Amino acid sequence: MKAIVGPQPDGAEELAIVDRQVPRPGPGEVLIEVAAAGVNRPDILQRRGLYPPPPGAPDILGLEVAGTVVEAARALRIMSGTRSVRLSPAAAMQNIALLLPARPCRYPTALR
């Protein structure tokens, strides 16, 4: 899969598209095919090295994501194909995002 990272936390205004393995959802997790990811102030600060990602999170930028559920933990009772929006602790800027913990919100009917 493709992901966006800030390769060097310095003054260089630079992002990089990198290849990463597609994650597998574990208990309480949802895998989403990303249609859109937002860029906000924490992403800019993280890119500059001023806002560390949460412990254990990858270096992939992004906190806001919208897309379609590809796979989910059984206990969540959310089906593949469900359109969803979510705030994520990290790693939304990739074409397949693993959300932790998985509490995706369904798209409002008016936006379909």
C-alpha atoms as a PDB file:
ATOM      1  CA  MET A   1       0.000   0.000   0.000  1.00  0.00           C
ATOM      2  CA  LYS A   2       1.028   3.652  -0.348  1.00  0.00           C
ATOM      3  CA  ALA A   3       1.439   5.952   2.659  1.00  0.00           C
ATOM      4  CA  ILE A   4       2.539   9.552   3.236  1.00  0.00           C
ATOM      5  CA  VAL A   5       5.331  10.332   5.705  1.00  0.00           C
ATOM      6  CA  GLY A   6       7.415  13.361   6.624  1.00  0.00           C
ATOM      7  CA  PRO A   7      10.865  11.840   6.103  1.00  0.00           C
ATOM      8  CA  GLN A   8      12.850  14.510   7.977  1.00  0.00           C
ATOM      9  CA  PRO A   9      11.529  16.635  10.834  1.00  0.00           C
ATOM     10  CA  ASP A  10      13.299  19.830   9.814  1.00  0.00           C
ATOM     11  CA  GLY A  11      12.713  22.997   7.822  1.00  0.00           C
ATOM     12  CA  ALA A  12      12.512  21.176   4.476  1.00  0.00           C
ATOM     13  CA  GLU A  13       8.899  21.245   3.324  1.00  0.00           C
ATOM     14  CA  GLU A  14       8.894  17.693   2.131  1.00  0.00           C
ATOM     15  CA  LEU A  15       6.585  14.704   2.179  1.00  0.00           C
ATOM     16  CA  ALA A  16       7.262  11.271   0.744  1.00  0.00           C
ATOM     17  CA  ILE A  17       5.059   8.510  -0.603  1.00  0.00           C
ATOM     18  CA  VAL A  18       6.333   5.172   0.663  1.00  0.00           C
ATOM     19  CA  ASP A  19       5.332   1.531   0.234  1.00  0.00           C
ATOM     20  CA  ARG A  20       4.188  -0.318   3.346  1.00  0.00           C
ATOM     21  CA  GLN A  21       2.592  -3.691   3.994  1.00  0.00           C
ATOM     22  CA  VAL A  22      -1.186  -3.755   4.279  1.00  0.00           C
ATOM     23  CA  PRO A  23      -1.997  -4.205   7.971  1.00  0.00           C
ATOM     24  CA  ARG A  24      -4.349  -6.936   9.230  1.00  0.00           C
ATOM     25  CA  PRO A  25      -7.090  -5.937  11.676  1.00  0.00           C
ATOM     26  CA  GLY A  26      -6.905  -7.466  15.122  1.00  0.00           C
ATOM     27  CA  PRO A  27      -9.536  -7.427  17.874  1.00  0.00           C
ATOM     28  CA  GLY A  28     -11.440  -4.142  17.902  1.00  0.00           C
ATOM     29  CA  GLU A  29      -9.854  -2.877  14.658  1.00  0.00           C
ATOM     30  CA  VAL A  30     -11.211  -1.895  11.244  1.00  0.00           C
ATOM     31  CA  LEU A  31      -9.376  -1.762   7.922  1.00  0.00           C
ATOM     32  CA  ILE A  32     -10.638   1.035   5.631  1.00  0.00           C
ATOM     33  CA  GLU A  33      -9.922   1.735   1.976  1.00  0.00           C
ATOM     34  CA  VAL A  34      -9.259   5.465   2.177  1.00  0.00           C
ATOM     35  CA  ALA A  35     -11.153   7.816  -0.119  1.00  0.00           C
ATOM     36  CA  ALA A  36     -10.020  11.022   1.648  1.00  0.00           C
ATOM     37  CA  ALA A  37      -7.727  12.023   4.505  1.00  0.00           C
ATOM     38  CA  GLY A  38      -7.568  15.452   6.093  1.00  0.00           C
ATOM     39  CA  VAL A  39      -4.495  17.562   6.803  1.00  0.00           C
ATOM     40  CA  ASN A  40      -4.611  19.661   9.955  1.00  0.00           C
ATOM     41  CA  ARG A  41      -2.329  21.451  12.395  1.00  0.00           C
ATOM     42  CA  PRO A  42      -1.149  18.335  14.288  1.00  0.00           C
ATOM     43  CA  ASP A  43      -0.041  16.814  10.943  1.00  0.00           C
ATOM     44  CA  ILE A  44       1.999  19.922  10.145  1.00  0.00           C
ATOM     45  CA  LEU A  45       3.533  19.955  13.634  1.00  0.00           C
ATOM     46  CA  GLN A  46       4.313  16.222  13.445  1.00  0.00           C
ATOM     47  CA  ARG A  47       6.030  16.750  10.089  1.00  0.00           C
ATOM     48  CA  ARG A  48       8.175  19.411  11.723  1.00  0.00           C
ATOM     49  CA  GLY A  49       9.057  17.120  14.626  1.00  0.00           C
ATOM     50  CA  LEU A  50       7.045  19.180  17.134  1.00  0.00           C
ATOM     51  CA  TYR A  51       4.126  16.788  17.738  1.00  0.00           C
ATOM     52  CA  PRO A  52       5.106  13.159  18.318  1.00  0.00           C
ATOM     53  CA  PRO A  53       2.725  10.413  17.188  1.00  0.00           C
ATOM     54  CA  PRO A  54       1.119   8.346  19.965  1.00  0.00           C
ATOM     55  CA  PRO A  55       3.313   5.570  21.426  1.00  0.00           C
ATOM     56  CA  GLY A  56       3.381   2.581  19.076  1.00  0.00           C
ATOM     57  CA  ALA A  57       1.886   4.514  16.139  1.00  0.00           C
ATOM     58  CA  PRO A  58       3.638   4.402  12.771  1.00  0.00           C
ATOM     59  CA  ASP A  59       5.296   7.449  11.199  1.00  0.00           C
ATOM     60  CA  ILE A  60       2.445   7.826   8.699  1.00  0.00           C
ATOM     61  CA  LEU A  61       0.725  11.222   8.883  1.00  0.00           C
ATOM     62  CA  GLY A  62      -3.010  11.858   9.168  1.00  0.00           C
ATOM     63  CA  LEU A  63      -5.730  11.982  11.806  1.00  0.00           C
ATOM     64  CA  GLU A  64      -8.924  12.221   9.745  1.00  0.00           C
ATOM     65  CA  VAL A  65     -10.103   9.574   7.312  1.00  0.00           C
ATOM     66  CA  ALA A  66     -13.130   8.718   5.193  1.00  0.00           C
ATOM     67  CA  GLY A  67     -13.546   5.582   3.147  1.00  0.00           C
ATOM     68  CA  THR A  68     -15.058   2.125   2.892  1.00  0.00           C
ATOM     69  CA  VAL A  69     -14.633  -0.746   5.339  1.00  0.00           C
ATOM     70  CA  VAL A  70     -12.601  -3.557   3.763  1.00  0.00           C
ATOM     71  CA  GLU A  71     -12.310  -5.822   6.801  1.00  0.00           C
ATOM     72  CA  ALA A  72     -13.282  -5.627  10.472  1.00  0.00           C
ATOM     73  CA  ALA A  73     -12.942  -7.650  13.654  1.00  0.00           C
ATOM     74  CA  ARG A  74     -16.009  -9.908  14.003  1.00  0.00           C
ATOM     75  CA  ALA A  75     -17.058  -8.547  17.380  1.00  0.00           C
ATOM     76  CA  LEU A  76     -17.597  -5.082  15.871  1.00  0.00           C
ATOM     77  CA  ARG A  77     -20.578  -6.111  13.742  1.00  0.00           C
ATOM     78  CA  ILE A  78     -19.653  -3.771  10.910  1.00  0.00           C
ATOM     79  CA  MET A  79     -19.811  -5.120   7.380  1.00  0.00           C
ATOM     80  CA  SER A  80     -17.343  -4.795   4.529  1.00  0.00           C
ATOM     81  CA  GLY A  81     -18.549  -2.138   2.114  1.00  0.00           C
ATOM     82  CA  THR A  82     -19.825   0.183   4.867  1.00  0.00           C
ATOM     83  CA  ARG A  83     -18.849   3.794   4.152  1.00  0.00           C
ATOM     84  CA  SER A  84     -17.266   5.317   7.220  1.00  0.00           C
ATOM     85  CA  VAL A  85     -15.627   8.446   8.633  1.00  0.00           C
ATOM     86  CA  ARG A  86     -13.228   8.472  11.580  1.00  0.00           C
ATOM     87  CA  LEU A  87     -10.764  10.430  13.629  1.00  0.00           C
ATOM     88  CA  SER A  88      -7.676   8.300  14.025  1.00  0.00           C
ATOM     89  CA  PRO A  89      -4.798   8.662  16.512  1.00  0.00           C
ATOM     90  CA  ALA A  90      -2.377   8.464  13.548  1.00  0.00           C
ATOM     91  CA  ALA A  91      -1.737   6.998  10.102  1.00  0.00           C
ATOM     92  CA  ALA A  92      -4.770   8.136   8.099  1.00  0.00           C
ATOM     93  CA  MET A  93      -2.759   9.197   5.021  1.00  0.00           C
ATOM     94  CA  GLN A  94      -2.501   5.868   3.270  1.00  0.00           C
ATOM     95  CA  ASN A  95      -4.660   4.078   0.766  1.00  0.00           C
ATOM     96  CA  ILE A  96      -5.596   1.383   3.331  1.00  0.00           C
ATOM     97  CA  ALA A  97      -5.875   2.584   6.954  1.00  0.00           C
ATOM     98  CA  LEU A  98      -6.051   0.468  10.099  1.00  0.00           C
ATOM     99  CA  LEU A  99      -8.098   2.243  12.744  1.00  0.00           C
ATOM    100  CA  LEU A 100      -7.462   1.781  16.465  1.00  0.00           C
ATOM    101  CA  PRO A 101      -9.681   1.394  18.404  1.00  0.00           C
ATOM    102  CA  ALA A 102     -12.360   0.831  15.837  1.00  0.00           C
ATOM    103  CA  ARG A 103     -15.417   2.946  16.383  1.00  0.00           C
ATOM    104  CA  PRO A 104     -16.037   4.176  12.856  1.00  0.00           C
ATOM    105  CA  CYS A 105     -19.012   6.428  12.242  1.00  0.00           C
ATOM    106  CA  ARG A 106     -21.240   5.673   9.296  1.00  0.00           C
ATOM    107  CA  TYR A 107     -21.592   8.365   6.644  1.00  0.00           C
ATOM    108  CA  PRO A 108     -24.710  10.458   7.192  1.00  0.00           C
ATOM    109  CA  THR A 109     -27.438   9.407   4.772  1.00  0.00           C
ATOM    110  CA  ALA A 110     -27.618  12.930   3.316  1.00  0.00           C
ATOM    111  CA  LEU A 111     -24.013  12.623   2.034  1.00  0.00           C
ATOM    112  CA  ARG A 112     -24.487   9.381   0.122  1.00  0.00           C
END
